[in-house]
């Protein structure tokens, strides 16, 4: 599954949340929304790991710090530009 699909799924649950009023319905939908939203960055980093050829293995922790460290080691300017954009963006997790 891609980061884009995860975002689409999160938007789906958000739309549903806006139509529900019972506590139990909201609780279930909010749980699904938050779970999916938290996973978006995982998929995003993995997609860009492949795109920029950083070759960080799937078994390794992959977050913005690991991504940045590897991009610096490889002197990968495109990957470093992505890191700078991600860090400056309002969607930072």
PDB file of N, CA and C in Angstrom:
ATOM      1  N   UNK A   1       0.849  -1.179   0.000  1.00  0.00           N
ATOM      2  CA  UNK A   1       0.000   0.000   0.000  1.00  0.00           C
ATOM      3  C   UNK A   1       0.895   1.242   0.000  1.00  0.00           C
ATOM      4  N   UNK A   2       0.461   2.259  -0.686  1.00  0.00           N
ATOM      5  CA  UNK A   2       1.259   3.474  -0.801  1.00  0.00           C
ATOM      6  C   UNK A   2       0.836   4.531   0.219  1.00  0.00           C
ATOM      7  N   UNK A   3       1.681   5.529   0.381  1.00  0.00           N
ATOM      8  CA  UNK A   3       1.358   6.649   1.276  1.00  0.00           C
ATOM      9  C   UNK A   3       0.100   7.352   0.780  1.00  0.00           C
ATOM     10  N   UNK A   4      -0.023   7.495  -0.535  1.00  0.00           N
ATOM     11  CA  UNK A   4      -1.202   8.155  -1.102  1.00  0.00           C
ATOM     12  C   UNK A   4      -2.477   7.390  -0.747  1.00  0.00           C
ATOM     13  N   UNK A   5      -2.437   6.066  -0.824  1.00  0.00           N
ATOM     14  CA  UNK A   5      -3.611   5.265  -0.467  1.00  0.00           C
ATOM     15  C   UNK A   5      -3.932   5.422   1.017  1.00  0.00           C
ATOM     16  N   UNK A   6      -2.912   5.496   1.852  1.00  0.00           N
ATOM     17  CA  UNK A   6      -3.132   5.707   3.287  1.00  0.00           C
ATOM     18  C   UNK A   6      -3.802   7.058   3.537  1.00  0.00           C
ATOM     19  N   UNK A   7      -3.366   8.083   2.828  1.00  0.00           N
ATOM     20  CA  UNK A   7      -3.986   9.404   2.971  1.00  0.00           C
ATOM     21  C   UNK A   7      -5.443   9.337   2.519  1.00  0.00           C
ATOM     22  N   UNK A   8      -5.696   8.666   1.408  1.00  0.00           N
ATOM     23  CA  UNK A   8      -7.085   8.512   0.937  1.00  0.00           C
ATOM     24  C   UNK A   8      -7.941   7.785   1.969  1.00  0.00           C
ATOM     25  N   UNK A   9      -7.396   6.744   2.572  1.00  0.00           N
ATOM     26  CA  UNK A   9      -8.135   6.013   3.608  1.00  0.00           C
ATOM     27  C   UNK A   9      -8.417   6.895   4.816  1.00  0.00           C
ATOM     28  N   UNK A  10      -7.420   7.679   5.222  1.00  0.00           N
ATOM     29  CA  UNK A  10      -7.613   8.586   6.361  1.00  0.00           C
ATOM     30  C   UNK A  10      -8.698   9.614   6.046  1.00  0.00           C
ATOM     31  N   UNK A  11      -8.683  10.138   4.831  1.00  0.00           N
ATOM     32  CA  UNK A  11      -9.717  11.107   4.433  1.00  0.00           C
ATOM     33  C   UNK A  11     -11.103  10.480   4.451  1.00  0.00           C
ATOM     34  N   UNK A  12     -11.195   9.232   4.069  1.00  0.00           N
ATOM     35  CA  UNK A  12     -12.470   8.511   4.107  1.00  0.00           C
ATOM     36  C   UNK A  12     -13.016   8.472   5.536  1.00  0.00           C
ATOM     37  N   UNK A  13     -12.170   8.073   6.486  1.00  0.00           N
ATOM     38  CA  UNK A  13     -12.623   7.994   7.878  1.00  0.00           C
ATOM     39  C   UNK A  13     -12.924   9.379   8.444  1.00  0.00           C
ATOM     40  N   UNK A  14     -12.191  10.377   8.017  1.00  0.00           N
ATOM     41  CA  UNK A  14     -12.465  11.739   8.466  1.00  0.00           C
ATOM     42  C   UNK A  14     -13.847  12.199   7.970  1.00  0.00           C
ATOM     43  N   UNK A  15     -14.148  11.899   6.706  1.00  0.00           N
ATOM     44  CA  UNK A  15     -15.485  12.245   6.183  1.00  0.00           C
ATOM     45  C   UNK A  15     -16.577  11.544   6.983  1.00  0.00           C
ATOM     46  N   UNK A  16     -16.367  10.274   7.294  1.00  0.00           N
ATOM     47  CA  UNK A  16     -17.355   9.544   8.094  1.00  0.00           C
ATOM     48  C   UNK A  16     -17.499  10.141   9.490  1.00  0.00           C
ATOM     49  N   UNK A  17     -16.374  10.532  10.074  1.00  0.00           N
ATOM     50  CA  UNK A  17     -16.404  11.127  11.415  1.00  0.00           C
ATOM     51  C   UNK A  17     -17.302  12.355  11.462  1.00  0.00           C
ATOM     52  N   UNK A  18     -17.304  13.118  10.393  1.00  0.00           N
ATOM     53  CA  UNK A  18     -18.088  14.347  10.347  1.00  0.00           C
ATOM     54  C   UNK A  18     -19.585  14.086  10.294  1.00  0.00           C
ATOM     55  N   UNK A  19     -19.988  12.838  10.059  1.00  0.00           N
ATOM     56  CA  UNK A  19     -21.415  12.517   9.952  1.00  0.00           C
ATOM     57  C   UNK A  19     -21.944  11.744  11.152  1.00  0.00           C
ATOM     58  N   UNK A  20     -21.087  11.372  12.073  1.00  0.00           N
ATOM     59  CA  UNK A  20     -21.490  10.539  13.210  1.00  0.00           C
ATOM     60  C   UNK A  20     -21.565  11.367  14.484  1.00  0.00           C
ATOM     61  N   UNK A  21     -22.522  10.991  15.315  1.00  0.00           N
ATOM     62  CA  UNK A  21     -22.729  11.757  16.542  1.00  0.00           C
ATOM     63  C   UNK A  21     -22.727  10.894  17.802  1.00  0.00           C
ATOM     64  N   UNK A  22     -22.946   9.600  17.654  1.00  0.00           N
ATOM     65  CA  UNK A  22     -22.930   8.784  18.865  1.00  0.00           C
ATOM     66  C   UNK A  22     -21.486   8.567  19.312  1.00  0.00           C
ATOM     67  N   UNK A  23     -21.313   8.493  20.597  1.00  0.00           N
ATOM     68  CA  UNK A  23     -19.981   8.356  21.185  1.00  0.00           C
ATOM     69  C   UNK A  23     -19.262   7.109  20.664  1.00  0.00           C
ATOM     70  N   UNK A  24     -19.965   5.999  20.552  1.00  0.00           N
ATOM     71  CA  UNK A  24     -19.349   4.748  20.117  1.00  0.00           C
ATOM     72  C   UNK A  24     -18.931   4.818  18.643  1.00  0.00           C
ATOM     73  N   UNK A  25     -19.769   5.385  17.798  1.00  0.00           N
ATOM     74  CA  UNK A  25     -19.405   5.524  16.383  1.00  0.00           C
ATOM     75  C   UNK A  25     -18.179   6.425  16.224  1.00  0.00           C
ATOM     76  N   UNK A  26     -18.178   7.529  16.921  1.00  0.00           N
ATOM     77  CA  UNK A  26     -17.054   8.456  16.848  1.00  0.00           C
ATOM     78  C   UNK A  26     -15.776   7.793  17.359  1.00  0.00           C
ATOM     79  N   UNK A  27     -15.873   7.066  18.454  1.00  0.00           N
ATOM     80  CA  UNK A  27     -14.704   6.401  19.028  1.00  0.00           C
ATOM     81  C   UNK A  27     -14.089   5.419  18.036  1.00  0.00           C
ATOM     82  N   UNK A  28     -14.927   4.603  17.416  1.00  0.00           N
ATOM     83  CA  UNK A  28     -14.426   3.608  16.461  1.00  0.00           C
ATOM     84  C   UNK A  28     -13.792   4.269  15.232  1.00  0.00           C
ATOM     85  N   UNK A  29     -14.467   5.254  14.697  1.00  0.00           N
ATOM     86  CA  UNK A  29     -13.946   5.930  13.503  1.00  0.00           C
ATOM     87  C   UNK A  29     -12.691   6.739  13.817  1.00  0.00           C
ATOM     88  N   UNK A  30     -12.662   7.358  14.972  1.00  0.00           N
ATOM     89  CA  UNK A  30     -11.483   8.131  15.362  1.00  0.00           C
ATOM     90  C   UNK A  30     -10.273   7.218  15.543  1.00  0.00           C
ATOM     91  N   UNK A  31     -10.498   6.058  16.124  1.00  0.00           N
ATOM     92  CA  UNK A  31      -9.412   5.087  16.287  1.00  0.00           C
ATOM     93  C   UNK A  31      -8.858   4.673  14.931  1.00  0.00           C
ATOM     94  N   UNK A  32      -9.747   4.372  13.988  1.00  0.00           N
ATOM     95  CA  UNK A  32      -9.305   3.989  12.644  1.00  0.00           C
ATOM     96  C   UNK A  32      -8.556   5.140  11.974  1.00  0.00           C
ATOM     97  N   UNK A  33      -9.101   6.349  12.072  1.00  0.00           N
ATOM     98  CA  UNK A  33      -8.475   7.520  11.461  1.00  0.00           C
ATOM     99  C   UNK A  33      -7.068   7.751  12.024  1.00  0.00           C
ATOM    100  N   UNK A  34      -6.933   7.719  13.330  1.00  0.00           N
ATOM    101  CA  UNK A  34      -5.627   7.978  13.954  1.00  0.00           C
ATOM    102  C   UNK A  34      -4.613   6.883  13.636  1.00  0.00           C
ATOM    103  N   UNK A  35      -5.063   5.640  13.600  1.00  0.00           N
ATOM    104  CA  UNK A  35      -4.169   4.529  13.278  1.00  0.00           C
ATOM    105  C   UNK A  35      -3.633   4.658  11.861  1.00  0.00           C
ATOM    106  N   UNK A  36      -4.508   4.935  10.926  1.00  0.00           N
ATOM    107  CA  UNK A  36      -4.090   5.083   9.531  1.00  0.00           C
ATOM    108  C   UNK A  36      -3.189   6.307   9.367  1.00  0.00           C
ATOM    109  N   UNK A  37      -3.561   7.406   9.991  1.00  0.00           N
ATOM    110  CA  UNK A  37      -2.781   8.634   9.874  1.00  0.00           C
ATOM    111  C   UNK A  37      -1.362   8.435  10.390  1.00  0.00           C
ATOM    112  N   UNK A  38      -1.221   7.734  11.491  1.00  0.00           N
ATOM    113  CA  UNK A  38       0.114   7.497  12.058  1.00  0.00           C
ATOM    114  C   UNK A  38       0.990   6.704  11.103  1.00  0.00           C
ATOM    115  N   UNK A  39       0.408   5.829  10.317  1.00  0.00           N
ATOM    116  CA  UNK A  39       1.178   5.005   9.396  1.00  0.00           C
ATOM    117  C   UNK A  39       1.593   5.692   8.112  1.00  0.00           C
ATOM    118  N   UNK A  40       1.024   6.839   7.811  1.00  0.00           N
ATOM    119  CA  UNK A  40       1.333   7.534   6.553  1.00  0.00           C
ATOM    120  C   UNK A  40       2.823   7.825   6.433  1.00  0.00           C
ATOM    121  N   UNK A  41       3.437   8.326   7.477  1.00  0.00           N
ATOM    122  CA  UNK A  41       4.864   8.669   7.396  1.00  0.00           C
ATOM    123  C   UNK A  41       5.723   7.435   7.147  1.00  0.00           C
ATOM    124  N   UNK A  42       5.343   6.290   7.700  1.00  0.00           N
ATOM    125  CA  UNK A  42       6.106   5.058   7.458  1.00  0.00           C
ATOM    126  C   UNK A  42       6.143   4.732   5.964  1.00  0.00           C
ATOM    127  N   UNK A  43       4.981   4.794   5.339  1.00  0.00           N
ATOM    128  CA  UNK A  43       4.908   4.502   3.911  1.00  0.00           C
ATOM    129  C   UNK A  43       5.622   5.577   3.091  1.00  0.00           C
ATOM    130  N   UNK A  44       5.489   6.819   3.505  1.00  0.00           N
ATOM    131  CA  UNK A  44       6.130   7.923   2.801  1.00  0.00           C
ATOM    132  C   UNK A  44       7.654   7.771   2.815  1.00  0.00           C
ATOM    133  N   UNK A  45       8.222   7.510   3.986  1.00  0.00           N
ATOM    134  CA  UNK A  45       9.666   7.340   4.084  1.00  0.00           C
ATOM    135  C   UNK A  45      10.148   6.146   3.262  1.00  0.00           C
ATOM    136  N   UNK A  46       9.392   5.068   3.271  1.00  0.00           N
ATOM    137  CA  UNK A  46       9.804   3.897   2.504  1.00  0.00           C
ATOM    138  C   UNK A  46       9.750   4.180   1.004  1.00  0.00           C
ATOM    139  N   UNK A  47       8.719   4.883   0.544  1.00  0.00           N
ATOM    140  CA  UNK A  47       8.632   5.226  -0.877  1.00  0.00           C
ATOM    141  C   UNK A  47       9.807   6.107  -1.299  1.00  0.00           C
ATOM    142  N   UNK A  48      10.145   7.081  -0.472  1.00  0.00           N
ATOM    143  CA  UNK A  48      11.253   7.971  -0.815  1.00  0.00           C
ATOM    144  C   UNK A  48      12.607   7.309  -0.586  1.00  0.00           C
ATOM    145  N   UNK A  49      12.687   6.370   0.306  1.00  0.00           N
ATOM    146  CA  UNK A  49      13.892   5.556   0.464  1.00  0.00           C
ATOM    147  C   UNK A  49      14.192   4.852  -0.866  1.00  0.00           C
ATOM    148  N   UNK A  50      13.170   4.289  -1.476  1.00  0.00           N
ATOM    149  CA  UNK A  50      13.342   3.619  -2.764  1.00  0.00           C
ATOM    150  C   UNK A  50      13.619   4.632  -3.879  1.00  0.00           C
ATOM    151  N   UNK A  51      12.845   5.710  -3.899  1.00  0.00           N
ATOM    152  CA  UNK A  51      12.984   6.721  -4.950  1.00  0.00           C
ATOM    153  C   UNK A  51      14.397   7.303  -4.999  1.00  0.00           C
ATOM    154  N   UNK A  52      14.961   7.601  -3.833  1.00  0.00           N
ATOM    155  CA  UNK A  52      16.278   8.221  -3.777  1.00  0.00           C
ATOM    156  C   UNK A  52      17.414   7.203  -3.677  1.00  0.00           C
ATOM    157  N   UNK A  53      17.081   5.923  -3.667  1.00  0.00           N
ATOM    158  CA  UNK A  53      18.099   4.887  -3.651  1.00  0.00           C
ATOM    159  C   UNK A  53      18.955   4.872  -2.409  1.00  0.00           C
ATOM    160  N   UNK A  54      18.366   5.194  -1.262  1.00  0.00           N
ATOM    161  CA  UNK A  54      19.141   5.203  -0.016  1.00  0.00           C
ATOM    162  C   UNK A  54      19.437   3.790   0.480  1.00  0.00           C
ATOM    163  N   UNK A  55      18.632   2.848   0.074  1.00  0.00           N
ATOM    164  CA  UNK A  55      18.833   1.432   0.415  1.00  0.00           C
ATOM    165  C   UNK A  55      18.833   1.157   1.914  1.00  0.00           C
ATOM    166  N   UNK A  56      18.011   1.881   2.649  1.00  0.00           N
ATOM    167  CA  UNK A  56      17.818   1.569   4.069  1.00  0.00           C
ATOM    168  C   UNK A  56      16.973   0.300   4.115  1.00  0.00           C
ATOM    169  N   UNK A  57      17.448  -0.758   4.761  1.00  0.00           N
ATOM    170  CA  UNK A  57      16.708  -2.025   4.743  1.00  0.00           C
ATOM    171  C   UNK A  57      15.364  -1.932   5.469  1.00  0.00           C
ATOM    172  N   UNK A  58      14.435  -2.764   5.035  1.00  0.00           N
ATOM    173  CA  UNK A  58      13.100  -2.773   5.638  1.00  0.00           C
ATOM    174  C   UNK A  58      13.130  -3.115   7.118  1.00  0.00           C
ATOM    175  N   UNK A  59      14.125  -3.883   7.537  1.00  0.00           N
ATOM    176  CA  UNK A  59      14.198  -4.290   8.938  1.00  0.00           C
ATOM    177  C   UNK A  59      14.744  -3.177   9.833  1.00  0.00           C
ATOM    178  N   UNK A  60      15.238  -2.100   9.241  1.00  0.00           N
ATOM    179  CA  UNK A  60      15.811  -0.994  10.019  1.00  0.00           C
ATOM    180  C   UNK A  60      14.726   0.016  10.384  1.00  0.00           C
ATOM    181  N   UNK A  61      14.923   0.694  11.502  1.00  0.00           N
ATOM    182  CA  UNK A  61      14.042   1.800  11.887  1.00  0.00           C
ATOM    183  C   UNK A  61      14.149   2.859  10.803  1.00  0.00           C
ATOM    184  N   UNK A  62      13.020   3.341  10.319  1.00  0.00           N
ATOM    185  CA  UNK A  62      13.039   4.335   9.253  1.00  0.00           C
ATOM    186  C   UNK A  62      12.172   5.513   9.654  1.00  0.00           C
ATOM    187  N   UNK A  63      12.834   6.544  10.167  1.00  0.00           N
ATOM    188  CA  UNK A  63      12.150   7.789  10.502  1.00  0.00           C
ATOM    189  C   UNK A  63      12.943   8.926   9.875  1.00  0.00           C
ATOM    190  N   UNK A  64      12.544  10.139  10.117  1.00  0.00           N
ATOM    191  CA  UNK A  64      13.180  11.276   9.450  1.00  0.00           C
ATOM    192  C   UNK A  64      14.662  11.402   9.822  1.00  0.00           C
ATOM    193  N   UNK A  65      15.019  11.077  11.049  1.00  0.00           N
ATOM    194  CA  UNK A  65      16.422  11.174  11.465  1.00  0.00           C
ATOM    195  C   UNK A  65      17.287  10.136  10.748  1.00  0.00           C
ATOM    196  N   UNK A  66      16.816   8.910  10.673  1.00  0.00           N
ATOM    197  CA  UNK A  66      17.561   7.849   9.975  1.00  0.00           C
ATOM    198  C   UNK A  66      17.672   8.180   8.496  1.00  0.00           C
ATOM    199  N   UNK A  67      16.584   8.661   7.929  1.00  0.00           N
ATOM    200  CA  UNK A  67      16.547   9.046   6.523  1.00  0.00           C
ATOM    201  C   UNK A  67      17.587  10.140   6.254  1.00  0.00           C
ATOM    202  N   UNK A  68      17.614  11.152   7.120  1.00  0.00           N
ATOM    203  CA  UNK A  68      18.557  12.257   6.963  1.00  0.00           C
ATOM    204  C   UNK A  68      20.003  11.790   7.128  1.00  0.00           C
ATOM    205  N   UNK A  69      20.257  10.965   8.122  1.00  0.00           N
ATOM    206  CA  UNK A  69      21.617  10.456   8.341  1.00  0.00           C
ATOM    207  C   UNK A  69      22.129   9.706   7.110  1.00  0.00           C
ATOM    208  N   UNK A  70      21.290   8.864   6.559  1.00  0.00           N
ATOM    209  CA  UNK A  70      21.701   8.085   5.388  1.00  0.00           C
ATOM    210  C   UNK A  70      21.893   8.982   4.162  1.00  0.00           C
ATOM    211  N   UNK A  71      21.022   9.970   3.996  1.00  0.00           N
ATOM    212  CA  UNK A  71      21.160  10.908   2.872  1.00  0.00           C
ATOM    213  C   UNK A  71      22.466  11.693   2.985  1.00  0.00           C
ATOM    214  N   UNK A  72      22.822  12.088   4.212  1.00  0.00           N
ATOM    215  CA  UNK A  72      24.094  12.806   4.420  1.00  0.00           C
ATOM    216  C   UNK A  72      25.286  11.904   4.123  1.00  0.00           C
ATOM    217  N   UNK A  73      25.235  10.651   4.602  1.00  0.00           N
ATOM    218  CA  UNK A  73      26.332   9.707   4.352  1.00  0.00           C
ATOM    219  C   UNK A  73      26.563   9.528   2.859  1.00  0.00           C
ATOM    220  N   UNK A  74      25.470   9.491   2.095  1.00  0.00           N
ATOM    221  CA  UNK A  74      25.558   9.253   0.657  1.00  0.00           C
ATOM    222  C   UNK A  74      25.673  10.550  -0.138  1.00  0.00           C
ATOM    223  N   UNK A  75      25.656  11.675   0.566  1.00  0.00           N
ATOM    224  CA  UNK A  75      25.711  12.987  -0.093  1.00  0.00           C
ATOM    225  C   UNK A  75      24.618  13.090  -1.165  1.00  0.00           C
ATOM    226  N   UNK A  76      23.419  12.645  -0.802  1.00  0.00           N
ATOM    227  CA  UNK A  76      22.283  12.600  -1.722  1.00  0.00           C
ATOM    228  C   UNK A  76      21.488  13.900  -1.563  1.00  0.00           C
ATOM    229  N   UNK A  77      21.749  14.853  -2.447  1.00  0.00           N
ATOM    230  CA  UNK A  77      21.139  16.183  -2.326  1.00  0.00           C
ATOM    231  C   UNK A  77      19.619  16.154  -2.510  1.00  0.00           C
ATOM    232  N   UNK A  78      19.140  15.315  -3.401  1.00  0.00           N
ATOM    233  CA  UNK A  78      17.689  15.227  -3.609  1.00  0.00           C
ATOM    234  C   UNK A  78      17.005  14.734  -2.331  1.00  0.00           C
ATOM    235  N   UNK A  79      17.581  13.735  -1.692  1.00  0.00           N
ATOM    236  CA  UNK A  79      17.015  13.209  -0.450  1.00  0.00           C
ATOM    237  C   UNK A  79      17.100  14.252   0.663  1.00  0.00           C
ATOM    238  N   UNK A  80      18.194  14.988   0.710  1.00  0.00           N
ATOM    239  CA  UNK A  80      18.333  16.039   1.729  1.00  0.00           C
ATOM    240  C   UNK A  80      17.330  17.167   1.501  1.00  0.00           C
ATOM    241  N   UNK A  81      17.052  17.484   0.250  1.00  0.00           N
ATOM    242  CA  UNK A  81      16.012  18.479  -0.042  1.00  0.00           C
ATOM    243  C   UNK A  81      14.653  18.002   0.443  1.00  0.00           C
ATOM    244  N   UNK A  82      14.373  16.709   0.262  1.00  0.00           N
ATOM    245  CA  UNK A  82      13.120  16.133   0.762  1.00  0.00           C
ATOM    246  C   UNK A  82      13.057  16.274   2.288  1.00  0.00           C
ATOM    247  N   UNK A  83      14.148  15.948   2.966  1.00  0.00           N
ATOM    248  CA  UNK A  83      14.194  16.048   4.436  1.00  0.00           C
ATOM    249  C   UNK A  83      13.918  17.484   4.869  1.00  0.00           C
ATOM    250  N   UNK A  84      14.563  18.436   4.220  1.00  0.00           N
ATOM    251  CA  UNK A  84      14.354  19.845   4.578  1.00  0.00           C
ATOM    252  C   UNK A  84      12.906  20.263   4.359  1.00  0.00           C
ATOM    253  N   UNK A  85      12.327  19.819   3.250  1.00  0.00           N
ATOM    254  CA  UNK A  85      10.921  20.127   2.988  1.00  0.00           C
ATOM    255  C   UNK A  85      10.031  19.497   4.058  1.00  0.00           C
ATOM    256  N   UNK A  86      10.267  18.234   4.349  1.00  0.00           N
ATOM    257  CA  UNK A  86       9.443  17.532   5.326  1.00  0.00           C
ATOM    258  C   UNK A  86       9.520  18.198   6.689  1.00  0.00           C
ATOM    259  N   UNK A  87      10.713  18.584   7.104  1.00  0.00           N
ATOM    260  CA  UNK A  87      10.893  19.214   8.414  1.00  0.00           C
ATOM    261  C   UNK A  87      10.223  20.591   8.483  1.00  0.00           C
ATOM    262  N   UNK A  88      10.170  21.279   7.356  1.00  0.00           N
ATOM    263  CA  UNK A  88       9.581  22.624   7.360  1.00  0.00           C
ATOM    264  C   UNK A  88       8.063  22.616   7.142  1.00  0.00           C
ATOM    265  N   UNK A  89       7.537  21.499   6.691  1.00  0.00           N
ATOM    266  CA  UNK A  89       6.111  21.411   6.362  1.00  0.00           C
ATOM    267  C   UNK A  89       5.259  21.327   7.630  1.00  0.00           C
ATOM    268  N   UNK A  90       4.052  21.794   7.513  1.00  0.00           N
ATOM    269  CA  UNK A  90       3.144  21.802   8.670  1.00  0.00           C
ATOM    270  C   UNK A  90       2.644  20.405   9.023  1.00  0.00           C
ATOM    271  N   UNK A  91       2.821  19.427   8.143  1.00  0.00           N
ATOM    272  CA  UNK A  91       2.318  18.081   8.422  1.00  0.00           C
ATOM    273  C   UNK A  91       3.312  17.221   9.170  1.00  0.00           C
ATOM    274  N   UNK A  92       4.388  17.800   9.638  1.00  0.00           N
ATOM    275  CA  UNK A  92       5.407  17.020  10.337  1.00  0.00           C
ATOM    276  C   UNK A  92       4.790  16.241  11.487  1.00  0.00           C
ATOM    277  N   UNK A  93       5.240  15.002  11.609  1.00  0.00           N
ATOM    278  CA  UNK A  93       4.687  14.095  12.622  1.00  0.00           C
ATOM    279  C   UNK A  93       5.655  13.955  13.769  1.00  0.00           C
TER     280      UNK A  93
END
